[in-house]
């Protein structure tokens, strides 16, 4: 049996690991546009071994309601079992696994109310610096087990009927791979490709919402009383009558910095944090992400908004005190231009920007020391693919049961749920 995995992200890598751990006798090929962990540039946060999740700060959220509701496919108990496997994998390839600890949050503090709701979940935090070492160890293990990696290669088309994946390879003639099973885990950078295939084969999909906002940055001292409760706190506000909700996303503390992501030629931002105390800068950053429902063609709407938020070819940064953005842990400035007002946000998303401003104003009420020593990077955006309808038992397409969708291609959000989906699919292959 030939298993072809499109995308070497967290979903695809966990799928391959499950197969080789169980002595799978077939051939496993992983195709990716990026590079292996020894040659992957730090700046390439979207492509390469372990994908975007493996080039983040490694927060493994330990709850089934976060990241795409895997439990709707396999049930609560099974989903948690799969989460445990993913976390075990990150620990087994960690150079010092005892440092991977679960942060179990305390009870919800009263000072948050009435301005915000607060969701608290257990989180395993790996750290950006350790993720790179994990990647090398994990990659070596899979290569040693016979997994074939095809780097700097783009899958341009897939014929579901003849079971062929067509490729463009850097410096090599175009070709194709034949498969018996195909795991489609292209990540954020391949959402356009997923849409293309859905349209080409008239696959039924579930429409998704818009998720767009900013990344907020301020000295950690302002949020310490909440950080003491939960490292990755999640504040939220909902406005059901307007079809809008806001939440904090991906909180980073201690040695925290903001990184630029280049997707579809645009710049957006994400947060990172290292574990090594040598990098400590006592800064906090988190996304303020707004979900907007009932927008026609949400993917296209998001792309258009992001394009408007580009300033002289890159993203933007705003601070009421005009503070220059802090240096990253690597010592380089994040690619952005300082702007003097948030008018550019209004130009991009209209009156929806008012909700983000109100969210920040409410934070000032909850965290009274928060003055003007903060800034926002614009935009932070999560592109969501139209979710294809798949079989609950194996995440396979109904018309093409040899093709499995995982990770961002199935609208997963987060490392844990993406890895769990890959593991789930691999189990179904082993059981057939």
Protein backbone atom coordinates (compact mmCIF):
# COMPACT_ATOMS: atom_id res chain seq x y z
CA UNK A 1 0.00 0.00 0.00
CA UNK A 2 1.25 3.46 -0.96
CA UNK A 3 0.32 6.23 1.49
CA UNK A 4 1.00 9.73 0.18
CA UNK A 5 0.80 12.60 2.66
CA UNK A 6 0.50 16.09 1.17
CA UNK A 7 1.98 18.43 3.74
CA UNK A 8 4.64 17.75 6.40
CA UNK A 9 2.75 19.65 9.08
CA UNK A 10 1.69 18.44 12.51
CA UNK A 11 -1.22 16.40 11.10
CA UNK A 12 0.82 14.62 8.43
CA UNK A 13 3.80 13.94 10.69
CA UNK A 14 1.63 12.47 13.45
CA UNK A 15 -0.11 10.28 10.88
CA UNK A 16 3.21 8.95 9.63
CA UNK A 17 4.40 8.39 13.20
CA UNK A 18 1.31 6.36 14.06
CA UNK A 19 1.85 4.20 10.99
CA UNK A 20 5.55 3.44 11.57
CA UNK A 21 5.06 2.93 15.32
CA UNK A 22 2.67 0.12 14.39
CA UNK A 23 5.00 -1.52 11.85
CA UNK A 24 3.07 -0.42 8.78
CA UNK A 25 4.39 -2.49 5.86
CA UNK A 26 3.47 -0.13 3.05
CA UNK A 27 5.28 2.86 1.57
CA UNK A 28 4.92 6.32 3.13
CA UNK A 29 5.77 9.46 1.15
CA UNK A 30 5.44 12.99 2.55
CA UNK A 31 5.48 15.90 0.06
CA UNK A 32 6.01 19.50 1.18
CA UNK A 33 6.89 22.85 -0.35
CA UNK A 34 9.31 23.64 2.46
CA UNK A 35 12.46 22.05 3.88
CA UNK A 36 13.56 19.59 6.54
CA UNK A 37 14.19 20.90 10.10
CA UNK A 38 17.96 21.09 9.55
CA UNK A 39 17.62 23.45 6.59
CA UNK A 40 14.30 25.18 7.22
CA UNK A 41 14.86 28.93 7.66
CA UNK A 42 13.59 30.50 10.87
CA UNK A 43 11.67 33.02 8.78
CA UNK A 44 9.67 30.33 6.93
CA UNK A 45 6.94 29.89 9.52
CA UNK A 46 4.37 28.30 7.20
CA UNK A 47 6.14 25.51 5.32
CA UNK A 48 8.51 22.67 6.12
CA UNK A 49 8.74 19.87 8.67
CA UNK A 50 6.00 20.18 11.36
CA UNK A 51 4.45 23.07 9.41
CA UNK A 52 3.23 26.26 11.06
CA UNK A 53 2.52 24.42 14.32
CA UNK A 54 6.13 23.27 14.57
CA UNK A 55 7.46 26.78 14.05
CA UNK A 56 5.20 28.36 16.69
CA UNK A 57 5.69 28.39 20.45
CA UNK A 58 4.14 24.96 20.91
CA UNK A 59 1.04 25.46 23.03
CA UNK A 60 -0.78 22.13 23.16
CA UNK A 61 -4.30 22.89 24.36
CA UNK A 62 -5.71 19.95 26.24
CA UNK A 63 -9.46 20.26 25.69
CA UNK A 64 -11.79 19.02 22.97
CA UNK A 65 -13.80 22.24 22.62
CA UNK A 66 -10.78 24.09 21.21
CA UNK A 67 -9.55 23.84 17.68
CA UNK A 68 -12.30 22.29 15.60
CA UNK A 69 -14.25 19.97 17.88
CA UNK A 70 -12.59 16.66 17.00
CA UNK A 71 -15.00 14.99 19.40
CA UNK A 72 -17.86 15.43 16.88
CA UNK A 73 -16.10 12.85 14.71
CA UNK A 74 -14.91 10.33 17.27
CA UNK A 75 -16.47 11.15 20.64
CA UNK A 76 -15.08 12.86 23.72
CA UNK A 77 -13.21 9.90 25.21
CA UNK A 78 -11.49 8.95 21.94
CA UNK A 79 -10.53 12.57 21.21
CA UNK A 80 -8.77 12.88 24.57
CA UNK A 81 -6.97 9.59 23.91
CA UNK A 82 -5.73 11.01 20.60
CA UNK A 83 -4.66 14.25 22.31
CA UNK A 84 -2.59 12.19 24.75
CA UNK A 85 -0.81 10.51 21.84
CA UNK A 86 0.09 13.84 20.26
CA UNK A 87 1.45 15.24 23.52
CA UNK A 88 3.41 12.02 24.08
CA UNK A 89 5.02 12.45 20.67
CA UNK A 90 6.17 15.99 21.44
CA UNK A 91 7.61 14.79 24.74
CA UNK A 92 9.33 11.67 23.33
CA UNK A 93 11.33 13.76 20.83
CA UNK A 94 12.05 16.58 23.29
CA UNK A 95 15.73 16.82 24.34
CA UNK A 96 14.57 17.28 27.94
CA UNK A 97 11.00 15.92 28.18
CA UNK A 98 10.63 16.69 31.89
CA UNK A 99 10.45 20.38 30.96
CA UNK A 100 7.15 19.85 29.15
CA UNK A 101 4.64 20.49 31.91
CA UNK A 102 0.89 20.86 31.90
CA UNK A 103 -0.41 24.19 33.17
CA UNK A 104 -3.67 23.38 34.89
CA UNK A 105 -5.54 26.67 35.43
CA UNK A 106 -7.06 27.72 38.70
CA UNK A 107 -10.60 28.89 39.31
CA UNK A 108 -11.96 31.84 37.34
CA UNK A 109 -11.14 35.15 39.08
CA UNK A 110 -13.98 37.55 39.87
CA UNK A 111 -12.17 40.67 38.64
CA UNK A 112 -12.77 39.71 34.98
CA UNK A 113 -16.53 40.20 35.26
CA UNK A 114 -18.66 41.89 33.95
CA UNK A 115 -16.48 43.00 31.02
CA UNK A 116 -15.39 39.58 29.79
CA UNK A 117 -16.11 35.93 29.85
CA UNK A 118 -13.10 33.75 30.57
CA UNK A 119 -12.33 30.24 29.34
CA UNK A 120 -9.59 28.29 31.09
CA UNK A 121 -8.06 25.08 29.75
CA UNK A 122 -5.04 22.93 30.56
CA UNK A 123 -2.10 23.76 28.26
CA UNK A 124 1.21 22.00 27.63
CA UNK A 125 3.75 24.66 26.62
CA UNK A 126 6.78 23.47 24.65
CA UNK A 127 8.45 26.75 23.58
CA UNK A 128 9.68 27.94 20.18
CA UNK A 129 13.31 27.15 20.96
CA UNK A 130 12.64 23.52 21.90
CA UNK A 131 10.30 22.92 18.96
CA UNK A 132 13.18 23.20 16.54
CA UNK A 133 15.12 20.51 18.41
CA UNK A 134 12.03 18.32 18.64
CA UNK A 135 11.63 18.66 14.88
CA UNK A 136 15.15 17.38 14.19
CA UNK A 137 14.77 14.37 16.49
CA UNK A 138 11.33 13.54 15.12
CA UNK A 139 12.47 13.85 11.51
CA UNK A 140 15.48 11.58 12.09
CA UNK A 141 13.18 8.96 13.61
CA UNK A 142 10.83 8.92 10.62
CA UNK A 143 13.68 8.83 8.09
CA UNK A 144 15.23 5.93 10.00
CA UNK A 145 11.86 4.13 9.80
CA UNK A 146 11.82 4.46 6.02
CA UNK A 147 9.50 7.43 5.48
CA UNK A 148 10.38 9.20 2.22
CA UNK A 149 10.32 13.00 2.28
CA UNK A 150 10.06 15.02 -0.94
CA UNK A 151 11.03 18.64 -0.20
CA UNK A 152 10.65 21.88 -2.17
CA UNK A 153 7.84 20.27 -4.09
CA UNK A 154 4.37 21.62 -4.82
CA UNK A 155 1.39 19.35 -5.44
CA UNK A 156 -0.37 21.17 -8.26
CA UNK A 157 -3.32 18.87 -8.84
CA UNK A 158 -4.79 15.62 -7.55
CA UNK A 159 -6.87 13.28 -9.70
CA UNK A 160 -9.12 11.57 -7.18
CA UNK A 161 -10.41 9.17 -9.84
CA UNK A 162 -7.02 7.84 -11.04
CA UNK A 163 -5.43 8.33 -7.58
CA UNK A 164 -2.54 10.44 -8.81
CA UNK A 165 -0.97 13.51 -7.16
CA UNK A 166 0.78 15.74 -9.70
CA UNK A 167 3.85 17.70 -8.58
CA UNK A 168 6.23 20.50 -9.48
CA UNK A 169 9.67 19.90 -7.97
CA UNK A 170 12.43 22.55 -7.74
CA UNK A 171 15.18 21.70 -10.23
CA UNK A 172 13.44 18.50 -11.37
CA UNK A 173 10.96 17.58 -14.10
CA UNK A 174 7.28 17.61 -13.19
CA UNK A 175 5.75 14.27 -12.32
CA UNK A 176 3.21 12.51 -10.16
CA UNK A 177 2.82 10.05 -7.29
CA UNK A 178 0.30 7.25 -7.32
CA UNK A 179 -1.43 6.48 -4.05
CA UNK A 180 -3.67 3.92 -2.42
CA UNK A 181 -4.38 6.30 0.46
CA UNK A 182 -3.88 10.06 0.39
CA UNK A 183 -3.78 12.26 3.50
CA UNK A 184 -4.44 15.88 2.56
CA UNK A 185 -2.86 18.11 5.22
CA UNK A 186 -1.74 21.21 3.35
CA UNK A 187 -2.04 23.65 6.27
CA UNK A 188 -2.81 27.34 6.07
CA UNK A 189 -0.66 27.93 3.00
CA UNK A 190 -2.68 25.38 1.01
CA UNK A 191 -6.22 26.53 1.70
CA UNK A 192 -6.55 27.88 -1.86
CA UNK A 193 -5.61 24.43 -3.15
CA UNK A 194 -8.26 22.78 -0.99
CA UNK A 195 -10.87 25.20 -2.31
CA UNK A 196 -9.75 24.42 -5.87
CA UNK A 197 -10.21 20.67 -5.38
CA UNK A 198 -13.60 21.13 -3.69
CA UNK A 199 -14.83 23.17 -6.66
CA UNK A 200 -13.26 20.84 -9.25
CA UNK A 201 -14.97 17.75 -7.83
CA UNK A 202 -18.11 19.50 -6.56
CA UNK A 203 -17.43 18.38 -3.01
CA UNK A 204 -20.06 19.42 -0.45
CA UNK A 205 -18.58 21.79 2.11
CA UNK A 206 -19.64 23.64 5.23
CA UNK A 207 -19.13 27.43 4.96
CA UNK A 208 -16.88 29.00 7.55
CA UNK A 209 -16.79 32.37 9.29
CA UNK A 210 -14.30 35.24 9.07
CA UNK A 211 -11.63 35.30 11.80
CA UNK A 212 -9.63 38.52 11.75
CA UNK A 213 -8.19 40.99 14.25
CA UNK A 214 -4.91 42.28 15.67
CA UNK A 215 -2.06 41.05 17.85
CA UNK A 216 -1.84 43.00 21.09
CA UNK A 217 1.49 43.53 22.88
CA UNK A 218 2.25 45.10 26.28
CA UNK A 219 4.53 44.62 29.30
CA UNK A 220 3.65 41.43 31.14
CA UNK A 221 3.22 43.21 34.48
CA UNK A 222 -0.19 44.52 33.45
CA UNK A 223 -1.61 41.00 33.06
CA UNK A 224 0.32 39.15 35.74
CA UNK A 225 -2.67 38.54 38.02
CA UNK A 226 -4.42 36.74 35.16
CA UNK A 227 -1.27 34.97 33.93
CA UNK A 228 -0.90 33.56 37.45
CA UNK A 229 -4.28 31.89 36.88
CA UNK A 230 -3.61 30.67 33.34
CA UNK A 231 -0.60 31.03 31.02
CA UNK A 232 -2.84 31.01 27.94
CA UNK A 233 -5.91 32.84 29.21
CA UNK A 234 -8.84 33.27 26.83
CA UNK A 235 -11.03 36.33 27.31
CA UNK A 236 -14.13 36.56 25.16
CA UNK A 237 -17.12 38.75 24.33
CA UNK A 238 -20.14 37.70 22.28
CA UNK A 239 -22.67 39.84 20.43
CA UNK A 240 -25.16 37.28 19.12
CA UNK A 241 -27.47 39.91 17.65
CA UNK A 242 -24.64 41.18 15.43
CA UNK A 243 -23.18 37.79 14.55
CA UNK A 244 -19.87 38.82 16.11
CA UNK A 245 -17.70 37.38 18.87
CA UNK A 246 -14.21 38.34 20.06
CA UNK A 247 -11.62 36.33 21.94
CA UNK A 248 -8.02 36.43 22.92
CA UNK A 249 -5.96 33.82 21.18
CA UNK A 250 -2.48 32.33 21.64
CA UNK A 251 -1.18 34.22 24.67
CA UNK A 252 2.62 34.37 25.03
CA UNK A 253 4.52 35.45 28.14
CA UNK A 254 8.00 35.79 29.64
CA UNK A 255 10.20 35.47 26.52
CA UNK A 256 7.45 36.56 24.14
CA UNK A 257 7.78 38.10 20.71
CA UNK A 258 5.74 38.70 17.58
CA UNK A 259 6.56 37.07 14.25
CA UNK A 260 5.44 37.98 10.76
CA UNK A 261 3.75 35.31 8.64
CA UNK A 262 3.72 35.48 4.87
CA UNK A 263 0.68 33.78 3.37
CA UNK A 264 -0.58 34.28 -0.20
CA UNK A 265 1.91 37.13 -0.55
CA UNK A 266 0.40 39.02 2.41
CA UNK A 267 1.81 39.73 5.86
CA UNK A 268 0.00 38.84 9.05
CA UNK A 269 1.25 38.30 12.60
CA UNK A 270 1.45 35.57 15.18
CA UNK A 271 2.91 35.21 18.65
CA UNK A 272 5.85 33.14 19.92
CA UNK A 273 7.52 32.48 23.23
CA UNK A 274 10.76 30.74 24.14
CA UNK A 275 11.18 28.59 27.24
CA UNK A 276 14.81 29.44 27.99
CA UNK A 277 14.95 32.15 30.67
CA UNK A 278 17.96 33.67 28.88
CA UNK A 279 15.49 35.15 26.37
CA UNK A 280 13.16 36.62 29.00
CA UNK A 281 11.89 40.11 28.11
CA UNK A 282 8.80 40.27 30.39
CA UNK A 283 6.49 41.01 27.50
CA UNK A 284 3.07 39.58 26.78
CA UNK A 285 1.32 39.32 23.43
CA UNK A 286 -1.93 37.75 22.33
CA UNK A 287 -4.27 37.87 19.37
CA UNK A 288 -7.59 39.70 19.65
CA UNK A 289 -9.48 37.66 17.09
CA UNK A 290 -12.94 38.60 15.90
CA UNK A 291 -15.22 35.98 14.40
CA UNK A 292 -17.81 37.35 11.98
CA UNK A 293 -20.63 35.11 10.79
CA UNK A 294 -22.99 35.48 7.86
CA UNK A 295 -20.46 37.02 5.47
CA UNK A 296 -20.72 35.91 1.89
CA UNK A 297 -17.49 34.26 0.68
CA UNK A 298 -15.63 34.67 4.01
CA UNK A 299 -12.27 33.57 2.60
CA UNK A 300 -12.36 36.20 -0.16
CA UNK A 301 -13.59 38.83 2.31
CA UNK A 302 -10.66 38.10 4.64
CA UNK A 303 -8.14 38.27 1.78
CA UNK A 304 -9.48 41.65 0.67
CA UNK A 305 -9.33 43.03 4.22
CA UNK A 306 -5.75 41.84 4.71
CA UNK A 307 -4.68 43.45 1.45
CA UNK A 308 -6.06 46.79 2.68
CA UNK A 309 -4.12 46.40 5.94
CA UNK A 310 -0.82 46.17 4.11
CA UNK A 311 1.17 49.38 4.46
CA UNK A 312 3.89 49.91 1.85
CA UNK A 313 3.99 46.22 1.16
CA UNK A 314 4.08 45.00 4.76
CA UNK A 315 1.79 44.92 7.76
CA UNK A 316 1.24 47.76 10.19
CA UNK A 317 1.89 48.57 13.82
CA UNK A 318 0.00 51.05 15.95
CA UNK A 319 0.74 52.30 19.44
CA UNK A 320 -0.83 55.25 21.28
CA UNK A 321 2.63 56.10 22.55
CA UNK A 322 4.30 55.40 19.20
CA UNK A 323 6.55 52.89 20.86
CA UNK A 324 8.80 51.08 18.43
CA UNK A 325 7.95 47.37 18.39
CA UNK A 326 10.13 45.29 20.69
CA UNK A 327 12.86 43.14 19.23
CA UNK A 328 12.22 39.48 18.68
CA UNK A 329 14.07 36.88 20.67
CA UNK A 330 16.43 36.56 17.71
CA UNK A 331 17.21 40.28 17.88
CA UNK A 332 15.50 41.28 14.65
CA UNK A 333 12.70 43.75 14.30
CA UNK A 334 9.38 42.45 13.08
CA UNK A 335 8.59 43.57 9.57
CA UNK A 336 6.02 46.33 9.86
CA UNK A 337 5.46 50.05 9.51
CA UNK A 338 4.44 52.29 12.41
CA UNK A 339 1.17 54.12 11.74
CA UNK A 340 -0.32 56.98 13.74
CA UNK A 341 -3.93 55.89 13.97
CA UNK A 342 -6.20 52.90 13.67
CA UNK A 343 -8.00 54.44 10.71
CA UNK A 344 -6.39 51.85 8.48
CA UNK A 345 -8.26 49.15 10.43
CA UNK A 346 -11.57 50.94 9.79
CA UNK A 347 -10.72 51.19 6.09
CA UNK A 348 -10.16 47.44 5.97
CA UNK A 349 -13.05 46.03 8.02
CA UNK A 350 -15.42 48.95 8.47
CA UNK A 351 -17.45 49.32 11.66
CA UNK A 352 -16.30 45.89 12.84
CA UNK A 353 -13.17 47.74 14.00
CA UNK A 354 -15.28 49.36 16.73
CA UNK A 355 -15.59 46.01 18.47
CA UNK A 356 -11.81 45.63 18.62
CA UNK A 357 -11.40 49.14 20.01
CA UNK A 358 -14.11 48.48 22.60
CA UNK A 359 -12.39 45.22 23.55
CA UNK A 360 -9.14 47.11 24.23
CA UNK A 361 -11.01 49.80 26.20
CA UNK A 362 -12.62 47.10 28.34
CA UNK A 363 -9.19 45.60 29.00
CA UNK A 364 -8.13 48.96 30.42
CA UNK A 365 -11.00 48.70 32.88
CA UNK A 366 -9.99 45.20 33.99
CA UNK A 367 -6.24 45.89 34.00
CA UNK A 368 -6.07 49.48 35.34
CA UNK A 369 -2.27 49.86 35.04
CA UNK A 370 -2.54 49.44 31.28
CA UNK A 371 -1.79 52.95 30.02
CA UNK A 372 -0.27 53.81 26.67
CA UNK A 373 2.60 51.32 26.76
CA UNK A 374 0.93 48.91 24.37
CA UNK A 375 0.63 48.40 20.65
CA UNK A 376 -1.11 46.27 18.07
CA UNK A 377 0.18 44.53 14.99
CA UNK A 378 -2.30 44.49 12.12
CA UNK A 379 -3.59 42.13 10.94
CA UNK A 380 -3.88 38.81 12.71
CA UNK A 381 -5.98 36.54 10.52
CA UNK A 382 -6.92 32.85 10.53
CA UNK A 383 -7.86 31.69 7.08
CA UNK A 384 -10.41 28.91 7.32
CA UNK A 385 -11.00 26.57 4.42
CA UNK A 386 -14.57 25.62 3.53
CA UNK A 387 -14.80 22.38 5.49
CA UNK A 388 -15.40 19.34 3.25
CA UNK A 389 -17.97 16.88 4.50
CA UNK A 390 -16.10 13.74 5.53
CA UNK A 391 -16.90 10.34 6.94
CA UNK A 392 -17.00 10.45 10.72
CA UNK A 393 -15.13 7.15 11.01
CA UNK A 394 -11.96 8.09 9.14
CA UNK A 395 -12.19 11.72 7.92
CA UNK A 396 -12.39 10.45 4.31
CA UNK A 397 -14.38 11.96 1.45
CA UNK A 398 -17.63 10.09 0.85
CA UNK A 399 -17.15 9.87 -2.94
CA UNK A 400 -13.42 9.23 -2.68
CA UNK A 401 -12.81 7.11 0.43
CA UNK A 402 -9.09 6.88 -0.32
CA UNK A 403 -8.69 10.63 0.38
CA UNK A 404 -8.55 11.90 3.98
CA UNK A 405 -8.63 15.59 4.98
CA UNK A 406 -6.77 16.67 8.15
CA UNK A 407 -5.53 19.79 9.92
CA UNK A 408 -6.29 23.23 8.54
CA UNK A 409 -7.71 21.60 5.39
CA UNK A 410 -10.49 20.34 7.68
CA UNK A 411 -10.68 23.68 9.52
CA UNK A 412 -8.71 22.47 12.54
CA UNK A 413 -7.17 25.21 14.65
CA UNK A 414 -4.22 24.31 16.80
CA UNK A 415 -1.41 21.83 17.15
CA UNK A 416 -3.16 19.27 19.33
CA UNK A 417 -6.30 18.81 17.27
CA UNK A 418 -4.38 18.75 13.96
CA UNK A 419 -2.04 16.06 15.24
CA UNK A 420 -4.96 14.12 16.66
CA UNK A 421 -6.74 14.17 13.29
CA UNK A 422 -3.64 12.78 11.60
CA UNK A 423 -3.38 10.04 14.22
CA UNK A 424 -7.08 9.22 13.82
CA UNK A 425 -6.72 8.78 10.06
CA UNK A 426 -3.62 6.62 10.48
CA UNK A 427 -5.57 4.36 12.85
CA UNK A 428 -8.25 3.85 10.22
CA UNK A 429 -5.60 2.91 7.63
CA UNK A 430 -4.03 0.41 10.03
CA UNK A 431 -7.42 -1.14 10.78
CA UNK A 432 -8.42 -1.66 7.13
